[in-house]
Amino acid sequence: MNKTKNLTEGNIYKNFFLFAIPLVLSQLLSLSYNIFDSMIAGKFINNFAVGAVGATYMYDLFILTLVGGFAVGFSIYISRIFGEKDYERIKNDVLNVLIFIVGVVIIIAILSILFRNQIFAFFKIDKEIENDAMTYFIIHKLGLVFINLQGVFVHILNSLGVSSYVFIMSALSAVLNVGGNLVFVLGFGMKIEGLALATVLSAFIVIVCYGVKLFLIFKELGVEKAPVNFSFNCVKESFKYSVPTCLQQMIMYTSGIFITPALNALGPAVTTGYSVAYKMYNLPSEVYFSASRTVAVYTAQSIGSKKLNGIRKGLFVGLFQSFIVSLPFLLLAVCFAGPVASIFFEDGYKGDAFNYAVSFATYYLPFVVINVINNISHNFFRGMKQMTLLLISTGVGSLSKLVLVIALVPFLHINGVFLGWMLSWFAEAIFCIIVYLVKFSTKEKIIKIAMNS
């Protein structure tokens, strides 16, 4: 059984590597079946099916990251309690927060379905893909609780030093999702609805498995029989961690919410090209997103256990690790842009949507290495409970992206979106570097801030 792990005990390089690798592999599995979804859509439904699935992607991502942001912040709160070895409190708080999150997501799902026409009008979904996009949207929202809870369980288990089981669940989810696509789309002849059903059903099965694992963790910690006080006081207490992170995620993706209507208004080729470009961006970005979570968990556990001397070292170990593990996937997307983009379209298609995606990967994506600095900074700020800096940093990136894209699109069409996106990475990185030099450049400064957090 995958045991809970305190990252502050033992060799830091070994701990970071062993903790991060399952997270990275888990994310790659998740990414692989998302790519397979899109491949099935493009090759066996039609060339714009990827655009139909991705037409409201930013809205779906906004919800996912809203819930995920809350879970990330809550996981930092749990990491600190874990460092203090208050296991009964962990059980009580985790169960109460799960109930709270389920209630919130159900409300979001109901409102999304009730106001689906208004949502589609806001995003300016092209008539050519509107029916398919609506079908996917409704089925996806009916399973929204299961889809979102996957990420919540991942962060809770990560906060307890458990990462290998997350990898196993990602593998199971990938197998179920791919198998569901084959059965529903290729076997039963379903179209967009088959992709959505496979996603929801696989999420449901994985959530059941996560629930069993959580019980086993409570048993390992010796609190499986400890009484649970059903009260949202612990939710309120965790708000100082979770709400700022939740706001940070909202800020991060707000720019995407407002950029998407402008993209969709340019036609289905642009919608599809951008959707494929985003999937190519995810190849390296999902890897360093996963690896960098080690920094947040390590920093929070260090503060909780009063082991402050290693925090600065942990920051740089995490930064180096994130660069290294994401580099091969960046090279794959950049050096083989054409072949990678082609898997999302029917054989032989070389239209505008394909060319837009290849252009992004060739000219803009190489600079995503700058964004590694931003992501590591986010996780470091979370672990240090520097939530104001986290919000400001994210705001710099999101606002600069929105302003630059709006300014450049009238002159550069979709390349204005890509260029504005790339320049926003640089804007936020400059801010993060300045903050580090002013507030965290020495071990003594970091220890002083950690003691007061």
Protein backbone atom coordinates (compact mmCIF):
# COMPACT_ATOMS: atom_id res chain seq x y z
CA MET A 1 0.00 0.00 0.00
CA ASN A 2 1.22 3.48 -0.86
CA LYS A 3 2.06 5.06 2.53
CA THR A 4 1.70 8.67 3.53
CA LYS A 5 4.99 10.56 3.23
CA ASN A 6 6.60 13.50 5.00
CA LEU A 7 8.84 15.07 2.34
CA THR A 8 11.00 16.80 4.96
CA GLU A 9 12.42 13.49 6.20
CA GLY A 10 15.31 11.96 4.26
CA ASN A 11 17.14 12.96 1.08
CA ILE A 12 15.42 15.91 -0.54
CA TYR A 13 16.41 14.95 -4.12
CA LYS A 14 15.14 11.41 -3.70
CA ASN A 15 11.96 12.57 -1.98
CA PHE A 16 11.18 15.15 -4.67
CA PHE A 17 11.85 12.68 -7.47
CA LEU A 18 9.84 9.82 -5.98
CA PHE A 19 6.96 12.14 -5.12
CA ALA A 20 6.89 13.99 -8.46
CA ILE A 21 7.27 11.09 -10.88
CA PRO A 22 3.91 9.46 -10.06
CA LEU A 23 2.28 12.88 -10.32
CA VAL A 24 3.84 13.48 -13.73
CA LEU A 25 2.96 10.00 -14.97
CA SER A 26 -0.59 10.45 -13.68
CA GLN A 27 -0.95 13.70 -15.56
CA LEU A 28 0.50 12.17 -18.71
CA LEU A 29 -2.04 9.39 -18.55
CA SER A 30 -4.81 11.93 -18.10
CA LEU A 31 -3.41 13.94 -20.99
CA SER A 32 -3.12 10.82 -23.15
CA TYR A 33 -6.77 9.91 -22.89
CA ASN A 34 -7.77 13.56 -23.47
CA ILE A 35 -5.69 13.45 -26.63
CA PHE A 36 -7.29 10.12 -27.55
CA ASP A 37 -10.73 11.71 -27.06
CA SER A 38 -9.80 14.45 -29.47
CA MET A 39 -8.22 12.02 -31.91
CA ILE A 40 -11.40 9.93 -32.00
CA ALA A 41 -13.43 13.13 -32.46
CA GLY A 42 -11.29 14.42 -35.32
CA LYS A 43 -10.71 11.18 -37.19
CA PHE A 44 -14.02 9.35 -36.72
CA ILE A 45 -16.61 12.12 -36.33
CA ASN A 46 -15.45 15.16 -38.37
CA ASN A 47 -12.63 17.70 -38.63
CA PHE A 48 -14.47 20.26 -36.49
CA ALA A 49 -15.51 17.80 -33.76
CA VAL A 50 -12.48 18.84 -31.70
CA GLY A 51 -13.77 22.39 -31.95
CA ALA A 52 -17.24 21.28 -30.79
CA VAL A 53 -15.77 19.60 -27.73
CA GLY A 54 -13.52 22.60 -27.08
CA ALA A 55 -16.03 25.37 -27.87
CA THR A 56 -16.82 25.88 -24.19
CA TYR A 57 -13.50 24.49 -22.96
CA MET A 58 -12.59 27.68 -21.12
CA TYR A 59 -15.90 27.62 -19.27
CA ASP A 60 -15.38 23.97 -18.30
CA LEU A 61 -11.77 24.70 -17.36
CA PHE A 62 -12.89 27.68 -15.30
CA ILE A 63 -15.18 25.44 -13.22
CA LEU A 64 -12.57 22.70 -12.96
CA THR A 65 -9.86 25.08 -11.81
CA LEU A 66 -12.26 26.90 -9.49
CA VAL A 67 -12.93 23.65 -7.64
CA GLY A 68 -9.35 22.53 -8.12
CA GLY A 69 -8.04 25.83 -6.80
CA PHE A 70 -10.10 25.39 -3.66
CA ALA A 71 -8.74 21.84 -3.34
CA VAL A 72 -5.14 23.00 -3.84
CA GLY A 73 -5.48 25.56 -1.07
CA PHE A 74 -7.18 23.04 1.19
CA SER A 75 -4.37 20.55 0.52
CA ILE A 76 -1.84 23.08 1.83
CA TYR A 77 -3.97 23.42 4.96
CA ILE A 78 -4.01 19.60 5.33
CA SER A 79 -0.25 19.38 4.67
CA ARG A 80 0.39 21.64 7.65
CA ILE A 81 -1.91 19.56 9.89
CA PHE A 82 -0.18 16.42 8.64
CA GLY A 83 3.17 17.96 9.59
CA GLU A 84 1.70 18.50 13.07
CA LYS A 85 0.51 14.83 13.13
CA ASP A 86 -3.07 15.78 14.08
CA TYR A 87 -4.66 12.87 12.20
CA GLU A 88 -8.16 12.98 13.72
CA ARG A 89 -8.47 16.57 12.63
CA ILE A 90 -7.39 15.57 9.11
CA LYS A 91 -10.18 12.99 8.86
CA ASN A 92 -12.81 15.38 10.18
CA ASP A 93 -11.80 18.28 7.94
CA VAL A 94 -11.38 16.21 4.78
CA LEU A 95 -14.87 14.65 5.04
CA ASN A 96 -16.52 17.98 5.77
CA VAL A 97 -14.83 19.69 2.84
CA LEU A 98 -15.79 16.85 0.48
CA ILE A 99 -19.45 17.34 1.43
CA PHE A 100 -19.09 21.10 0.90
CA ILE A 101 -17.49 20.70 -2.54
CA VAL A 102 -20.11 18.19 -3.72
CA GLY A 103 -22.88 20.62 -2.78
CA VAL A 104 -21.23 23.54 -4.59
CA VAL A 105 -20.56 21.54 -7.77
CA ILE A 106 -24.16 20.26 -7.92
CA ILE A 107 -25.39 23.86 -7.81
CA ILE A 108 -22.93 24.86 -10.58
CA ALA A 109 -24.04 21.93 -12.74
CA ILE A 110 -27.74 22.76 -12.37
CA LEU A 111 -27.20 26.43 -13.18
CA SER A 112 -25.01 25.57 -16.17
CA ILE A 113 -27.72 23.38 -17.70
CA LEU A 114 -30.50 25.86 -16.98
CA PHE A 115 -28.56 28.75 -18.57
CA ARG A 116 -26.87 26.76 -21.34
CA ASN A 117 -28.35 28.87 -24.14
CA GLN A 118 -27.11 32.08 -22.57
CA ILE A 119 -23.67 30.53 -22.06
CA PHE A 120 -23.49 29.51 -25.72
CA ALA A 121 -24.61 32.96 -26.81
CA PHE A 122 -21.86 34.56 -24.72
CA PHE A 123 -19.19 32.30 -26.23
CA LYS A 124 -20.51 32.92 -29.78
CA ILE A 125 -20.49 29.24 -30.73
CA ASP A 126 -20.56 28.86 -34.52
CA LYS A 127 -23.79 27.33 -35.89
CA GLU A 128 -21.81 24.64 -37.70
CA ILE A 129 -20.70 23.05 -34.42
CA GLU A 130 -23.42 24.29 -32.04
CA ASN A 131 -25.53 21.09 -31.87
CA ASP A 132 -22.55 18.83 -31.18
CA ALA A 133 -21.16 21.30 -28.66
CA MET A 134 -24.52 21.46 -26.83
CA THR A 135 -24.78 17.66 -26.63
CA TYR A 136 -21.32 17.36 -25.12
CA PHE A 137 -21.95 20.28 -22.75
CA ILE A 138 -25.16 18.82 -21.24
CA ILE A 139 -23.79 15.30 -20.68
CA HIS A 140 -20.58 16.73 -19.25
CA LYS A 141 -22.52 18.84 -16.74
CA LEU A 142 -24.66 15.87 -15.66
CA GLY A 143 -21.43 14.17 -14.57
CA LEU A 144 -19.73 17.31 -13.29
CA VAL A 145 -19.52 16.12 -9.66
CA PHE A 146 -17.56 12.98 -10.59
CA ILE A 147 -15.31 14.82 -13.04
CA ASN A 148 -14.37 17.51 -10.52
CA LEU A 149 -13.97 15.21 -7.53
CA GLN A 150 -11.11 13.40 -9.28
CA GLY A 151 -8.89 16.46 -8.93
CA VAL A 152 -10.03 17.07 -5.36
CA PHE A 153 -8.99 13.57 -4.30
CA VAL A 154 -5.65 13.98 -6.08
CA HIS A 155 -4.81 17.09 -4.06
CA ILE A 156 -5.98 15.58 -0.77
CA LEU A 157 -3.83 12.48 -1.27
CA ASN A 158 -0.87 14.61 -2.39
CA SER A 159 -1.10 16.62 0.82
CA LEU A 160 -0.60 13.38 2.76
CA GLY A 161 2.45 12.45 0.69
CA VAL A 162 0.55 9.85 -1.38
CA SER A 163 1.29 9.99 -5.10
CA SER A 164 1.69 6.43 -6.41
CA TYR A 165 -1.99 5.60 -5.94
CA VAL A 166 -2.88 8.72 -7.91
CA PHE A 167 -0.86 7.26 -10.78
CA ILE A 168 -2.75 3.97 -10.54
CA MET A 169 -6.07 5.81 -10.65
CA SER A 170 -4.94 7.85 -13.64
CA ALA A 171 -4.04 4.61 -15.42
CA LEU A 172 -7.45 3.17 -14.58
CA SER A 173 -9.17 6.34 -15.75
CA ALA A 174 -7.23 6.27 -19.02
CA VAL A 175 -8.12 2.64 -19.69
CA LEU A 176 -11.79 3.22 -18.87
CA ASN A 177 -11.95 6.39 -20.95
CA VAL A 178 -10.22 4.93 -23.98
CA GLY A 179 -12.25 1.74 -23.69
CA GLY A 180 -15.44 3.76 -23.39
CA ASN A 181 -14.59 5.77 -26.50
CA LEU A 182 -13.97 2.60 -28.48
CA VAL A 183 -17.20 1.00 -27.28
CA PHE A 184 -19.49 4.02 -27.61
CA VAL A 185 -18.07 5.69 -30.75
CA LEU A 186 -16.58 2.87 -32.79
CA GLY A 187 -18.70 0.03 -31.39
CA PHE A 188 -22.16 1.60 -30.99
CA GLY A 189 -21.68 4.24 -33.69
CA MET A 190 -22.32 7.14 -31.30
CA LYS A 191 -20.76 10.52 -31.97
CA ILE A 192 -20.04 13.41 -29.57
CA GLU A 193 -22.35 11.91 -26.95
CA GLY A 194 -20.16 8.79 -26.85
CA LEU A 195 -17.09 10.83 -25.91
CA ALA A 196 -18.99 12.59 -23.11
CA LEU A 197 -20.48 9.35 -21.71
CA ALA A 198 -17.05 7.70 -21.60
CA THR A 199 -15.65 10.65 -19.65
CA VAL A 200 -18.47 10.65 -17.08
CA LEU A 201 -18.58 6.89 -16.51
CA SER A 202 -14.81 6.58 -16.09
CA ALA A 203 -14.85 9.45 -13.59
CA PHE A 204 -17.58 7.76 -11.54
CA ILE A 205 -15.67 4.48 -11.24
CA VAL A 206 -12.44 6.26 -10.29
CA ILE A 207 -14.20 8.28 -7.58
CA VAL A 208 -15.45 5.06 -5.98
CA CYS A 209 -11.86 3.77 -5.89
CA TYR A 210 -10.60 7.02 -4.37
CA GLY A 211 -13.23 6.74 -1.64
CA VAL A 212 -11.98 3.26 -0.73
CA LYS A 213 -8.39 4.53 -0.67
CA LEU A 214 -9.29 7.40 1.63
CA PHE A 215 -10.80 4.97 4.12
CA LEU A 216 -7.61 2.87 4.02
CA ILE A 217 -5.52 5.99 4.69
CA PHE A 218 -7.64 6.81 7.72
CA LYS A 219 -7.08 3.23 8.88
CA GLU A 220 -3.32 3.56 8.35
CA LEU A 221 -3.33 6.73 10.46
CA GLY A 222 -5.35 4.96 13.16
CA VAL A 223 -8.41 7.20 12.89
CA GLU A 224 -10.84 5.05 10.92
CA LYS A 225 -13.13 4.82 13.97
CA ALA A 226 -12.65 8.40 15.12
CA PRO A 227 -15.98 10.30 15.27
CA VAL A 228 -16.68 12.95 12.67
CA ASN A 229 -18.14 16.28 13.70
CA PHE A 230 -20.20 17.42 10.73
CA SER A 231 -19.64 21.13 10.84
CA PHE A 232 -18.47 23.66 8.29
CA ASN A 233 -16.30 25.43 10.85
CA CYS A 234 -13.30 23.54 9.47
CA VAL A 235 -14.27 24.69 5.98
CA LYS A 236 -14.22 28.28 7.20
CA GLU A 237 -10.88 27.70 8.89
CA SER A 238 -9.37 26.35 5.67
CA PHE A 239 -10.70 29.38 3.73
CA LYS A 240 -7.53 31.37 4.48
CA TYR A 241 -5.71 28.82 2.29
CA SER A 242 -8.39 27.71 -0.16
CA VAL A 243 -10.21 30.96 -0.98
CA PRO A 244 -7.10 32.87 -2.15
CA THR A 245 -6.05 29.88 -4.27
CA CYS A 246 -9.57 29.65 -5.62
CA LEU A 247 -9.49 33.34 -6.51
CA GLN A 248 -6.07 32.83 -8.07
CA GLN A 249 -7.46 30.15 -10.37
CA MET A 250 -10.40 32.38 -11.27
CA ILE A 251 -8.05 35.22 -12.16
CA MET A 252 -5.83 32.86 -14.16
CA TYR A 253 -8.63 31.72 -16.45
CA THR A 254 -10.80 34.84 -16.55
CA SER A 255 -8.78 36.09 -19.50
CA GLY A 256 -9.60 32.88 -21.36
CA ILE A 257 -13.30 33.35 -20.65
CA PHE A 258 -13.26 36.75 -22.37
CA ILE A 259 -10.90 35.76 -25.17
CA THR A 260 -12.92 32.70 -26.23
CA PRO A 261 -15.92 34.61 -27.69
CA ALA A 262 -13.57 36.62 -29.89
CA LEU A 263 -11.93 33.38 -31.06
CA ASN A 264 -15.20 31.58 -31.76
CA ALA A 265 -16.47 34.58 -33.71
CA LEU A 266 -13.61 34.04 -36.20
CA GLY A 267 -15.14 30.74 -37.31
CA PRO A 268 -14.92 27.00 -36.62
CA ALA A 269 -11.43 26.68 -38.14
CA VAL A 270 -10.04 29.14 -35.60
CA THR A 271 -11.94 27.47 -32.73
CA THR A 272 -10.59 24.08 -33.74
CA GLY A 273 -7.06 25.34 -34.42
CA TYR A 274 -6.89 27.00 -31.02
CA SER A 275 -8.27 23.87 -29.32
CA VAL A 276 -5.56 21.75 -30.92
CA ALA A 277 -2.90 24.35 -30.10
CA TYR A 278 -3.99 24.26 -26.47
CA LYS A 279 -3.61 20.48 -26.40
CA MET A 280 -0.08 20.83 -27.76
CA TYR A 281 0.62 23.44 -25.08
CA ASN A 282 -0.59 20.91 -22.51
CA LEU A 283 2.12 18.41 -23.46
CA PRO A 284 4.89 20.25 -21.56
CA SER A 285 2.69 22.42 -19.30
CA GLU A 286 0.77 19.59 -17.63
CA VAL A 287 4.10 17.95 -16.81
CA TYR A 288 5.61 20.94 -15.04
CA PHE A 289 2.27 21.78 -13.42
CA SER A 290 2.32 18.32 -11.80
CA ALA A 291 6.01 18.29 -10.87
CA SER A 292 5.87 21.74 -9.30
CA ARG A 293 3.20 20.67 -6.78
CA THR A 294 6.05 19.02 -4.88
CA VAL A 295 7.28 22.50 -3.90
CA ALA A 296 3.95 23.49 -2.33
CA VAL A 297 3.63 20.25 -0.36
CA TYR A 298 7.27 20.31 0.76
CA THR A 299 7.14 23.96 1.83
CA ALA A 300 3.90 23.53 3.78
CA GLN A 301 5.13 20.35 5.50
CA SER A 302 8.41 22.10 6.38
CA ILE A 303 6.53 24.93 8.08
CA GLY A 304 4.14 22.53 9.83
CA SER A 305 7.02 20.45 11.22
CA LYS A 306 9.19 23.54 11.99
CA LYS A 307 11.94 22.43 9.60
CA LEU A 308 12.57 25.78 7.93
CA ASN A 309 16.21 25.58 6.87
CA GLY A 310 15.50 23.51 3.77
CA ILE A 311 12.73 25.61 2.23
CA ARG A 312 14.97 27.66 -0.07
CA LYS A 313 16.77 24.56 -1.27
CA GLY A 314 13.43 22.88 -1.93
CA LEU A 315 12.41 25.80 -4.14
CA PHE A 316 15.42 25.39 -6.44
CA VAL A 317 15.29 21.60 -6.47
CA GLY A 318 11.65 21.88 -7.57
CA LEU A 319 12.48 24.46 -10.25
CA PHE A 320 15.25 22.33 -11.72
CA GLN A 321 13.11 19.20 -11.61
CA SER A 322 10.22 20.91 -13.40
CA PHE A 323 12.49 22.10 -16.23
CA ILE A 324 14.05 18.68 -16.72
CA VAL A 325 10.90 16.57 -16.73
CA SER A 326 8.97 18.88 -19.08
CA LEU A 327 11.76 19.40 -21.64
CA PRO A 328 11.29 16.12 -23.60
CA PHE A 329 7.59 16.84 -24.10
CA LEU A 330 8.29 20.40 -25.20
CA LEU A 331 10.78 19.11 -27.78
CA LEU A 332 8.23 16.56 -29.00
CA ALA A 333 5.55 19.21 -29.55
CA VAL A 334 7.93 21.70 -31.20
CA CYS A 335 10.13 19.44 -33.34
CA PHE A 336 7.24 17.27 -34.54
CA ALA A 337 4.52 19.92 -34.67
CA GLY A 338 3.02 18.68 -37.94
CA PRO A 339 2.71 14.99 -37.03
CA VAL A 340 1.42 15.81 -33.55
CA ALA A 341 -1.23 18.23 -34.86
CA SER A 342 -2.31 15.78 -37.57
CA ILE A 343 -3.57 13.21 -35.06
CA PHE A 344 -6.52 15.52 -34.28
CA PHE A 345 -7.79 15.64 -37.88
CA GLU A 346 -8.97 13.32 -40.60
CA ASP A 347 -6.17 11.76 -42.63
CA GLY A 348 -4.76 14.17 -45.21
CA TYR A 349 -6.39 17.30 -43.77
CA LYS A 350 -4.09 20.32 -44.10
CA GLY A 351 -6.60 23.15 -43.78
CA ASP A 352 -6.50 26.36 -41.75
CA ALA A 353 -7.17 24.71 -38.39
CA PHE A 354 -4.16 22.42 -38.85
CA ASN A 355 -1.91 25.30 -39.94
CA TYR A 356 -2.91 27.45 -36.95
CA ALA A 357 -1.96 24.69 -34.51
CA VAL A 358 1.39 24.02 -36.22
CA SER A 359 2.21 27.73 -36.27
CA PHE A 360 1.63 27.98 -32.52
CA ALA A 361 3.82 24.98 -31.73
CA THR A 362 6.62 26.14 -34.02
CA TYR A 363 6.91 29.84 -33.19
CA TYR A 364 5.36 30.41 -29.76
CA LEU A 365 5.41 27.22 -27.71
CA PRO A 366 9.24 27.07 -27.27
CA PHE A 367 8.99 30.08 -24.94
CA VAL A 368 6.76 28.18 -22.51
CA VAL A 369 9.92 27.37 -20.53
CA ILE A 370 9.49 30.86 -19.07
CA ASN A 371 6.16 29.79 -17.64
CA VAL A 372 7.90 27.16 -15.48
CA ILE A 373 9.18 30.04 -13.32
CA ASN A 374 5.63 31.31 -12.88
CA ASN A 375 4.20 27.94 -11.92
CA ILE A 376 6.95 27.20 -9.40
CA SER A 377 6.39 30.66 -7.90
CA HIS A 378 2.66 29.95 -7.52
CA ASN A 379 3.36 26.76 -5.60
CA PHE A 380 6.03 28.38 -3.46
CA PHE A 381 3.69 31.27 -2.57
CA ARG A 382 0.97 28.76 -1.63
CA GLY A 383 3.29 26.77 0.60
CA MET A 384 4.55 29.95 2.29
CA LYS A 385 0.95 31.17 2.69
CA GLN A 386 1.81 34.30 0.72
CA MET A 387 -1.63 34.48 -0.85
CA THR A 388 -1.50 38.17 -1.73
CA LEU A 389 1.61 37.60 -3.81
CA LEU A 390 -0.07 34.59 -5.41
CA LEU A 391 -3.07 36.67 -6.45
CA ILE A 392 -0.98 39.59 -7.72
CA SER A 393 1.34 37.32 -9.69
CA THR A 394 -1.56 35.54 -11.36
CA GLY A 395 -3.28 38.85 -12.00
CA VAL A 396 -0.21 40.19 -13.81
CA GLY A 397 -0.18 37.16 -16.11
CA SER A 398 -3.92 37.06 -16.74
CA LEU A 399 -4.43 40.80 -17.22
CA SER A 400 -1.42 41.15 -19.52
CA LYS A 401 -2.72 38.25 -21.62
CA LEU A 402 -6.18 39.78 -21.93
CA VAL A 403 -4.90 43.26 -22.81
CA LEU A 404 -2.31 42.02 -25.29
CA VAL A 405 -4.68 39.65 -27.07
CA ILE A 406 -7.40 42.29 -27.42
CA ALA A 407 -4.83 44.74 -28.77
CA LEU A 408 -3.17 42.31 -31.21
CA VAL A 409 -6.06 40.24 -32.66
CA PRO A 410 -7.38 43.02 -34.94
CA PHE A 411 -3.96 43.18 -36.62
CA LEU A 412 -2.67 39.61 -36.42
CA HIS A 413 -5.85 37.47 -36.37
CA ILE A 414 -5.24 34.23 -34.42
CA ASN A 415 -1.51 34.97 -34.24
CA GLY A 416 -2.45 37.91 -32.03
CA VAL A 417 -3.87 35.42 -29.53
CA PHE A 418 -0.73 33.31 -29.62
CA LEU A 419 1.64 36.28 -29.36
CA GLY A 420 -0.31 37.89 -26.51
CA TRP A 421 -0.37 34.57 -24.66
CA MET A 422 3.40 34.16 -25.03
CA LEU A 423 4.21 37.73 -23.95
CA SER A 424 2.07 37.29 -20.82
CA TRP A 425 4.43 34.49 -19.68
CA PHE A 426 7.31 36.96 -19.80
CA ALA A 427 5.35 39.69 -17.99
CA GLU A 428 4.52 37.43 -15.05
CA ALA A 429 8.00 35.90 -14.92
CA ILE A 430 9.58 39.35 -14.58
CA PHE A 431 7.24 40.09 -11.67
CA CYS A 432 8.03 36.75 -9.95
CA ILE A 433 11.79 37.25 -10.29
CA ILE A 434 11.58 40.76 -8.82
CA VAL A 435 9.52 39.44 -5.88
CA TYR A 436 12.05 36.69 -5.24
CA LEU A 437 14.99 39.11 -5.28
CA VAL A 438 13.25 41.50 -2.87
CA LYS A 439 11.61 39.08 -0.40
CA PHE A 440 13.08 35.56 -0.68
CA SER A 441 16.65 35.86 -1.96
CA THR A 442 18.27 34.52 1.24
CA LYS A 443 17.54 31.62 3.57
CA GLU A 444 17.21 34.05 6.47
CA LYS A 445 14.47 36.05 4.72
CA ILE A 446 12.52 32.89 3.92
CA ILE A 447 12.78 31.57 7.50
CA LYS A 448 11.59 34.89 8.92
CA ILE A 449 8.53 34.95 6.63
CA ALA A 450 7.80 31.25 7.29
CA MET A 451 7.85 31.78 11.06
CA ASN A 452 5.24 34.50 10.75
CA SER A 453 2.98 32.66 8.31
